[in-house]
């Protein structure tokens, strides 16, 4: 289920995005990018509709999906 990011309290959204960009196994390439920069990049993707916050009812987890992941999930 897609959760409108605008309805998530600012602190909770920031924490969600920060957790997303700092997950183990996330590879951003050869150049290291500051966490704050990554957070702002993801926030901008949410604003542009290029990403969405998704709640998985089966696992009761929240994540951020890009457009391709949303299509693959049928959302």
PDB file of N, CA and C in Angstrom:
ATOM      1  N   UNK A   1       0.839  -1.155   0.000  1.00  0.00           N
ATOM      2  CA  UNK A   1       0.000   0.000   0.000  1.00  0.00           C
ATOM      3  C   UNK A   1       0.902   1.241   0.000  1.00  0.00           C
ATOM      4  N   UNK A   2       0.613   2.174  -0.919  1.00  0.00           N
ATOM      5  CA  UNK A   2       1.381   3.414  -0.977  1.00  0.00           C
ATOM      6  C   UNK A   2       0.864   4.362   0.101  1.00  0.00           C
ATOM      7  N   UNK A   3       1.805   4.927   0.853  1.00  0.00           N
ATOM      8  CA  UNK A   3       1.483   5.881   1.907  1.00  0.00           C
ATOM      9  C   UNK A   3       1.889   7.263   1.408  1.00  0.00           C
ATOM     10  N   UNK A   4       0.952   8.213   1.354  1.00  0.00           N
ATOM     11  CA  UNK A   4       1.330   9.564   0.911  1.00  0.00           C
ATOM     12  C   UNK A   4       2.413  10.150   1.829  1.00  0.00           C
ATOM     13  N   UNK A   5       3.559  10.462   1.270  1.00  0.00           N
ATOM     14  CA  UNK A   5       4.670  10.948   2.091  1.00  0.00           C
ATOM     15  C   UNK A   5       4.311  12.260   2.780  1.00  0.00           C
ATOM     16  N   UNK A   6       3.404  13.025   2.191  1.00  0.00           N
ATOM     17  CA  UNK A   6       3.008  14.308   2.760  1.00  0.00           C
ATOM     18  C   UNK A   6       2.264  14.135   4.082  1.00  0.00           C
ATOM     19  N   UNK A   7       1.705  12.948   4.312  1.00  0.00           N
ATOM     20  CA  UNK A   7       0.943  12.687   5.525  1.00  0.00           C
ATOM     21  C   UNK A   7       1.800  12.123   6.651  1.00  0.00           C
ATOM     22  N   UNK A   8       3.063  11.879   6.388  1.00  0.00           N
ATOM     23  CA  UNK A   8       3.972  11.350   7.401  1.00  0.00           C
ATOM     24  C   UNK A   8       4.596  12.539   8.136  1.00  0.00           C
ATOM     25  N   UNK A   9       4.565  12.539   9.481  1.00  0.00           N
ATOM     26  CA  UNK A   9       5.195  13.639  10.227  1.00  0.00           C
ATOM     27  C   UNK A   9       6.646  13.847   9.777  1.00  0.00           C
ATOM     28  N   UNK A  10       7.073  15.101   9.715  1.00  0.00           N
ATOM     29  CA  UNK A  10       8.389  15.471   9.175  1.00  0.00           C
ATOM     30  C   UNK A  10       9.524  14.674   9.808  1.00  0.00           C
ATOM     31  N   UNK A  11       9.532  14.547  11.127  1.00  0.00           N
ATOM     32  CA  UNK A  11      10.611  13.809  11.801  1.00  0.00           C
ATOM     33  C   UNK A  11      10.597  12.334  11.411  1.00  0.00           C
ATOM     34  N   UNK A  12       9.407  11.753  11.353  1.00  0.00           N
ATOM     35  CA  UNK A  12       9.295  10.340  10.984  1.00  0.00           C
ATOM     36  C   UNK A  12       9.741  10.119   9.539  1.00  0.00           C
ATOM     37  N   UNK A  13       9.354  11.036   8.638  1.00  0.00           N
ATOM     38  CA  UNK A  13       9.770  10.918   7.245  1.00  0.00           C
ATOM     39  C   UNK A  13      11.284  11.030   7.122  1.00  0.00           C
ATOM     40  N   UNK A  14      11.866  11.981   7.826  1.00  0.00           N
ATOM     41  CA  UNK A  14      13.325  12.143   7.786  1.00  0.00           C
ATOM     42  C   UNK A  14      14.003  10.857   8.270  1.00  0.00           C
ATOM     43  N   UNK A  15      13.521  10.305   9.388  1.00  0.00           N
ATOM     44  CA  UNK A  15      14.113   9.077   9.925  1.00  0.00           C
ATOM     45  C   UNK A  15      13.946   7.911   8.963  1.00  0.00           C
ATOM     46  N   UNK A  16      12.795   7.811   8.319  1.00  0.00           N
ATOM     47  CA  UNK A  16      12.556   6.751   7.343  1.00  0.00           C
ATOM     48  C   UNK A  16      13.525   6.864   6.169  1.00  0.00           C
ATOM     49  N   UNK A  17      13.658   8.074   5.638  1.00  0.00           N
ATOM     50  CA  UNK A  17      14.568   8.274   4.509  1.00  0.00           C
ATOM     51  C   UNK A  17      16.005   7.994   4.927  1.00  0.00           C
ATOM     52  N   UNK A  18      16.398   8.482   6.103  1.00  0.00           N
ATOM     53  CA  UNK A  18      17.770   8.260   6.571  1.00  0.00           C
ATOM     54  C   UNK A  18      18.051   6.770   6.754  1.00  0.00           C
ATOM     55  N   UNK A  19      17.102   6.041   7.316  1.00  0.00           N
ATOM     56  CA  UNK A  19      17.279   4.601   7.480  1.00  0.00           C
ATOM     57  C   UNK A  19      17.399   3.934   6.121  1.00  0.00           C
ATOM     58  N   UNK A  20      16.599   4.369   5.164  1.00  0.00           N
ATOM     59  CA  UNK A  20      16.623   3.814   3.815  1.00  0.00           C
ATOM     60  C   UNK A  20      17.986   4.010   3.152  1.00  0.00           C
ATOM     61  N   UNK A  21      18.538   5.213   3.235  1.00  0.00           N
ATOM     62  CA  UNK A  21      19.800   5.484   2.531  1.00  0.00           C
ATOM     63  C   UNK A  21      21.020   4.920   3.251  1.00  0.00           C
ATOM     64  N   UNK A  22      20.862   4.500   4.497  1.00  0.00           N
ATOM     65  CA  UNK A  22      22.010   3.957   5.228  1.00  0.00           C
ATOM     66  C   UNK A  22      21.917   2.450   5.435  1.00  0.00           C
ATOM     67  N   UNK A  23      20.962   1.794   4.788  1.00  0.00           N
ATOM     68  CA  UNK A  23      20.818   0.341   4.924  1.00  0.00           C
ATOM     69  C   UNK A  23      22.083  -0.372   4.488  1.00  0.00           C
ATOM     70  N   UNK A  24      22.365  -1.468   5.158  1.00  0.00           N
ATOM     71  CA  UNK A  24      23.501  -2.313   4.767  1.00  0.00           C
ATOM     72  C   UNK A  24      23.285  -2.822   3.358  1.00  0.00           C
ATOM     73  N   UNK A  25      24.356  -2.860   2.603  1.00  0.00           N
ATOM     74  CA  UNK A  25      24.293  -3.398   1.256  1.00  0.00           C
ATOM     75  C   UNK A  25      23.897  -2.384   0.204  1.00  0.00           C
ATOM     76  N   UNK A  26      23.612  -1.155   0.600  1.00  0.00           N
ATOM     77  CA  UNK A  26      23.271  -0.132  -0.380  1.00  0.00           C
ATOM     78  C   UNK A  26      24.552   0.390  -0.995  1.00  0.00           C
ATOM     79  N   UNK A  27      24.637   0.328  -2.314  1.00  0.00           N
ATOM     80  CA  UNK A  27      25.852   0.734  -3.016  1.00  0.00           C
ATOM     81  C   UNK A  27      25.550   1.954  -3.873  1.00  0.00           C
ATOM     82  N   UNK A  28      26.293   3.019  -3.648  1.00  0.00           N
ATOM     83  CA  UNK A  28      26.081   4.248  -4.396  1.00  0.00           C
ATOM     84  C   UNK A  28      27.211   4.524  -5.389  1.00  0.00           C
ATOM     85  N   UNK A  29      28.036   3.530  -5.658  1.00  0.00           N
ATOM     86  CA  UNK A  29      29.083   3.702  -6.650  1.00  0.00           C
ATOM     87  C   UNK A  29      30.423   4.039  -6.029  1.00  0.00           C
ATOM     88  N   UNK A  30      31.318   4.521  -6.874  1.00  0.00           N
ATOM     89  CA  UNK A  30      32.688   4.789  -6.454  1.00  0.00           C
ATOM     90  C   UNK A  30      32.813   6.004  -5.550  1.00  0.00           C
ATOM     91  N   UNK A  31      31.973   6.993  -5.757  1.00  0.00           N
ATOM     92  CA  UNK A  31      32.088   8.247  -5.028  1.00  0.00           C
ATOM     93  C   UNK A  31      31.197   8.231  -3.793  1.00  0.00           C
ATOM     94  N   UNK A  32      31.793   8.546  -2.647  1.00  0.00           N
ATOM     95  CA  UNK A  32      31.041   8.594  -1.397  1.00  0.00           C
ATOM     96  C   UNK A  32      30.195   9.855  -1.367  1.00  0.00           C
ATOM     97  N   UNK A  33      28.933   9.708  -0.972  1.00  0.00           N
ATOM     98  CA  UNK A  33      28.011  10.835  -0.881  1.00  0.00           C
ATOM     99  C   UNK A  33      27.565  10.947   0.566  1.00  0.00           C
ATOM    100  N   UNK A  34      27.544  12.157   1.105  1.00  0.00           N
ATOM    101  CA  UNK A  34      27.147  12.383   2.490  1.00  0.00           C
ATOM    102  C   UNK A  34      25.705  11.926   2.707  1.00  0.00           C
ATOM    103  N   UNK A  35      25.435  11.395   3.891  1.00  0.00           N
ATOM    104  CA  UNK A  35      24.090  10.926   4.216  1.00  0.00           C
ATOM    105  C   UNK A  35      23.063  12.030   4.040  1.00  0.00           C
ATOM    106  N   UNK A  36      23.368  13.244   4.486  1.00  0.00           N
ATOM    107  CA  UNK A  36      22.425  14.361   4.363  1.00  0.00           C
ATOM    108  C   UNK A  36      22.089  14.623   2.899  1.00  0.00           C
ATOM    109  N   UNK A  37      23.060  14.487   2.022  1.00  0.00           N
ATOM    110  CA  UNK A  37      22.828  14.682   0.586  1.00  0.00           C
ATOM    111  C   UNK A  37      21.925  13.585   0.045  1.00  0.00           C
ATOM    112  N   UNK A  38      22.183  12.339   0.450  1.00  0.00           N
ATOM    113  CA  UNK A  38      21.358  11.219   0.013  1.00  0.00           C
ATOM    114  C   UNK A  38      19.907  11.410   0.474  1.00  0.00           C
ATOM    115  N   UNK A  39      19.742  11.868   1.721  1.00  0.00           N
ATOM    116  CA  UNK A  39      18.401  12.098   2.265  1.00  0.00           C
ATOM    117  C   UNK A  39      17.671  13.133   1.414  1.00  0.00           C
ATOM    118  N   UNK A  40      18.332  14.217   1.076  1.00  0.00           N
ATOM    119  CA  UNK A  40      17.701  15.263   0.265  1.00  0.00           C
ATOM    120  C   UNK A  40      17.398  14.772  -1.148  1.00  0.00           C
ATOM    121  N   UNK A  41      18.254  13.917  -1.696  1.00  0.00           N
ATOM    122  CA  UNK A  41      17.996  13.354  -3.024  1.00  0.00           C
ATOM    123  C   UNK A  41      16.735  12.491  -3.013  1.00  0.00           C
ATOM    124  N   UNK A  42      16.583  11.665  -1.984  1.00  0.00           N
ATOM    125  CA  UNK A  42      15.402  10.810  -1.887  1.00  0.00           C
ATOM    126  C   UNK A  42      14.160  11.660  -1.636  1.00  0.00           C
ATOM    127  N   UNK A  43      14.263  12.672  -0.784  1.00  0.00           N
ATOM    128  CA  UNK A  43      13.137  13.563  -0.518  1.00  0.00           C
ATOM    129  C   UNK A  43      12.678  14.227  -1.835  1.00  0.00           C
ATOM    130  N   UNK A  44      13.640  14.648  -2.648  1.00  0.00           N
ATOM    131  CA  UNK A  44      13.318  15.264  -3.941  1.00  0.00           C
ATOM    132  C   UNK A  44      12.634  14.256  -4.866  1.00  0.00           C
ATOM    133  N   UNK A  45      13.073  13.003  -4.842  1.00  0.00           N
ATOM    134  CA  UNK A  45      12.437  11.970  -5.660  1.00  0.00           C
ATOM    135  C   UNK A  45      10.989  11.757  -5.221  1.00  0.00           C
ATOM    136  N   UNK A  46      10.741  11.792  -3.919  1.00  0.00           N
ATOM    137  CA  UNK A  46       9.369  11.667  -3.414  1.00  0.00           C
ATOM    138  C   UNK A  46       8.521  12.830  -3.911  1.00  0.00           C
ATOM    139  N   UNK A  47       9.057  14.031  -3.826  1.00  0.00           N
ATOM    140  CA  UNK A  47       8.320  15.222  -4.252  1.00  0.00           C
ATOM    141  C   UNK A  47       7.996  15.185  -5.736  1.00  0.00           C
ATOM    142  N   UNK A  48       8.929  14.657  -6.547  1.00  0.00           N
ATOM    143  CA  UNK A  48       8.718  14.580  -8.003  1.00  0.00           C
ATOM    144  C   UNK A  48       7.869  13.384  -8.413  1.00  0.00           C
ATOM    145  N   UNK A  49       7.544  12.530  -7.477  1.00  0.00           N
ATOM    146  CA  UNK A  49       6.766  11.335  -7.800  1.00  0.00           C
ATOM    147  C   UNK A  49       7.593  10.219  -8.394  1.00  0.00           C
ATOM    148  N   UNK A  50       8.910  10.313  -8.278  1.00  0.00           N
ATOM    149  CA  UNK A  50       9.807   9.282  -8.800  1.00  0.00           C
ATOM    150  C   UNK A  50      10.009   8.140  -7.814  1.00  0.00           C
ATOM    151  N   UNK A  51       9.535   8.333  -6.590  1.00  0.00           N
ATOM    152  CA  UNK A  51       9.624   7.322  -5.545  1.00  0.00           C
ATOM    153  C   UNK A  51       8.386   7.458  -4.668  1.00  0.00           C
ATOM    154  N   UNK A  52       8.111   6.411  -3.891  1.00  0.00           N
ATOM    155  CA  UNK A  52       6.949   6.439  -3.011  1.00  0.00           C
ATOM    156  C   UNK A  52       7.260   5.649  -1.743  1.00  0.00           C
ATOM    157  N   UNK A  53       6.572   6.011  -0.673  1.00  0.00           N
ATOM    158  CA  UNK A  53       6.664   5.272   0.579  1.00  0.00           C
ATOM    159  C   UNK A  53       5.633   4.148   0.496  1.00  0.00           C
ATOM    160  N   UNK A  54       6.074   2.930   0.802  1.00  0.00           N
ATOM    161  CA  UNK A  54       5.214   1.757   0.684  1.00  0.00           C
ATOM    162  C   UNK A  54       5.186   1.007   2.008  1.00  0.00           C
ATOM    163  N   UNK A  55       3.968   0.695   2.463  1.00  0.00           N
ATOM    164  CA  UNK A  55       3.775  -0.131   3.654  1.00  0.00           C
ATOM    165  C   UNK A  55       3.395  -1.523   3.202  1.00  0.00           C
ATOM    166  N   UNK A  56       4.147  -2.509   3.664  1.00  0.00           N
ATOM    167  CA  UNK A  56       3.866  -3.909   3.343  1.00  0.00           C
ATOM    168  C   UNK A  56       3.063  -4.500   4.503  1.00  0.00           C
ATOM    169  N   UNK A  57       1.794  -4.767   4.259  1.00  0.00           N
ATOM    170  CA  UNK A  57       0.919  -5.276   5.318  1.00  0.00           C
ATOM    171  C   UNK A  57       1.344  -6.656   5.801  1.00  0.00           C
ATOM    172  N   UNK A  58       1.881  -7.484   4.915  1.00  0.00           N
ATOM    173  CA  UNK A  58       2.282  -8.844   5.289  1.00  0.00           C
ATOM    174  C   UNK A  58       3.423  -8.840   6.294  1.00  0.00           C
ATOM    175  N   UNK A  59       4.400  -7.958   6.069  1.00  0.00           N
ATOM    176  CA  UNK A  59       5.567  -7.917   6.960  1.00  0.00           C
ATOM    177  C   UNK A  59       5.513  -6.750   7.945  1.00  0.00           C
ATOM    178  N   UNK A  60       4.499  -5.887   7.768  1.00  0.00           N
ATOM    179  CA  UNK A  60       4.343  -4.692   8.606  1.00  0.00           C
ATOM    180  C   UNK A  60       5.612  -3.840   8.603  1.00  0.00           C
ATOM    181  N   UNK A  61       6.171  -3.667   7.394  1.00  0.00           N
ATOM    182  CA  UNK A  61       7.366  -2.846   7.229  1.00  0.00           C
ATOM    183  C   UNK A  61       7.079  -1.709   6.252  1.00  0.00           C
ATOM    184  N   UNK A  62       7.895  -0.675   6.364  1.00  0.00           N
ATOM    185  CA  UNK A  62       7.779   0.489   5.488  1.00  0.00           C
ATOM    186  C   UNK A  62       9.087   0.627   4.726  1.00  0.00           C
ATOM    187  N   UNK A  63       8.986   0.948   3.450  1.00  0.00           N
ATOM    188  CA  UNK A  63      10.177   1.174   2.644  1.00  0.00           C
ATOM    189  C   UNK A  63       9.883   2.241   1.604  1.00  0.00           C
ATOM    190  N   UNK A  64      10.902   2.550   0.828  1.00  0.00           N
ATOM    191  CA  UNK A  64      10.768   3.513  -0.258  1.00  0.00           C
ATOM    192  C   UNK A  64      11.088   2.774  -1.546  1.00  0.00           C
ATOM    193  N   UNK A  65      10.173   2.883  -2.514  1.00  0.00           N
ATOM    194  CA  UNK A  65      10.324   2.220  -3.805  1.00  0.00           C
ATOM    195  C   UNK A  65      10.467   3.275  -4.890  1.00  0.00           C
ATOM    196  N   UNK A  66      11.283   2.960  -5.908  1.00  0.00           N
ATOM    197  CA  UNK A  66      11.324   3.837  -7.079  1.00  0.00           C
ATOM    198  C   UNK A  66      10.234   3.394  -8.051  1.00  0.00           C
ATOM    199  N   UNK A  67      10.073   4.128  -9.139  1.00  0.00           N
ATOM    200  CA  UNK A  67       8.997   3.836 -10.100  1.00  0.00           C
ATOM    201  C   UNK A  67       9.031   2.400 -10.609  1.00  0.00           C
ATOM    202  N   UNK A  68      10.222   1.927 -10.956  1.00  0.00           N
ATOM    203  CA  UNK A  68      10.357   0.572 -11.484  1.00  0.00           C
ATOM    204  C   UNK A  68       9.926  -0.464 -10.453  1.00  0.00           C
ATOM    205  N   UNK A  69      10.343  -0.277  -9.209  1.00  0.00           N
ATOM    206  CA  UNK A  69       9.952  -1.205  -8.149  1.00  0.00           C
ATOM    207  C   UNK A  69       8.439  -1.178  -7.928  1.00  0.00           C
ATOM    208  N   UNK A  70       7.846   0.001  -8.037  1.00  0.00           N
ATOM    209  CA  UNK A  70       6.391   0.123  -7.889  1.00  0.00           C
ATOM    210  C   UNK A  70       5.679  -0.658  -8.987  1.00  0.00           C
ATOM    211  N   UNK A  71       6.160  -0.522 -10.235  1.00  0.00           N
ATOM    212  CA  UNK A  71       5.572  -1.263 -11.360  1.00  0.00           C
ATOM    213  C   UNK A  71       5.693  -2.774 -11.130  1.00  0.00           C
ATOM    214  N   UNK A  72       6.887  -3.195 -10.724  1.00  0.00           N
ATOM    215  CA  UNK A  72       7.117  -4.625 -10.508  1.00  0.00           C
ATOM    216  C   UNK A  72       6.216  -5.174  -9.400  1.00  0.00           C
ATOM    217  N   UNK A  73       5.925  -4.347  -8.401  1.00  0.00           N
ATOM    218  CA  UNK A  73       5.078  -4.760  -7.291  1.00  0.00           C
ATOM    219  C   UNK A  73       3.590  -4.598  -7.608  1.00  0.00           C
ATOM    220  N   UNK A  74       3.300  -4.031  -8.776  1.00  0.00           N
ATOM    221  CA  UNK A  74       1.919  -3.828  -9.170  1.00  0.00           C
ATOM    222  C   UNK A  74       1.219  -2.721  -8.406  1.00  0.00           C
ATOM    223  N   UNK A  75       2.005  -1.746  -7.970  1.00  0.00           N
ATOM    224  CA  UNK A  75       1.426  -0.624  -7.205  1.00  0.00           C
ATOM    225  C   UNK A  75       1.253   0.614  -8.051  1.00  0.00           C
TER     226      UNK A  75
END
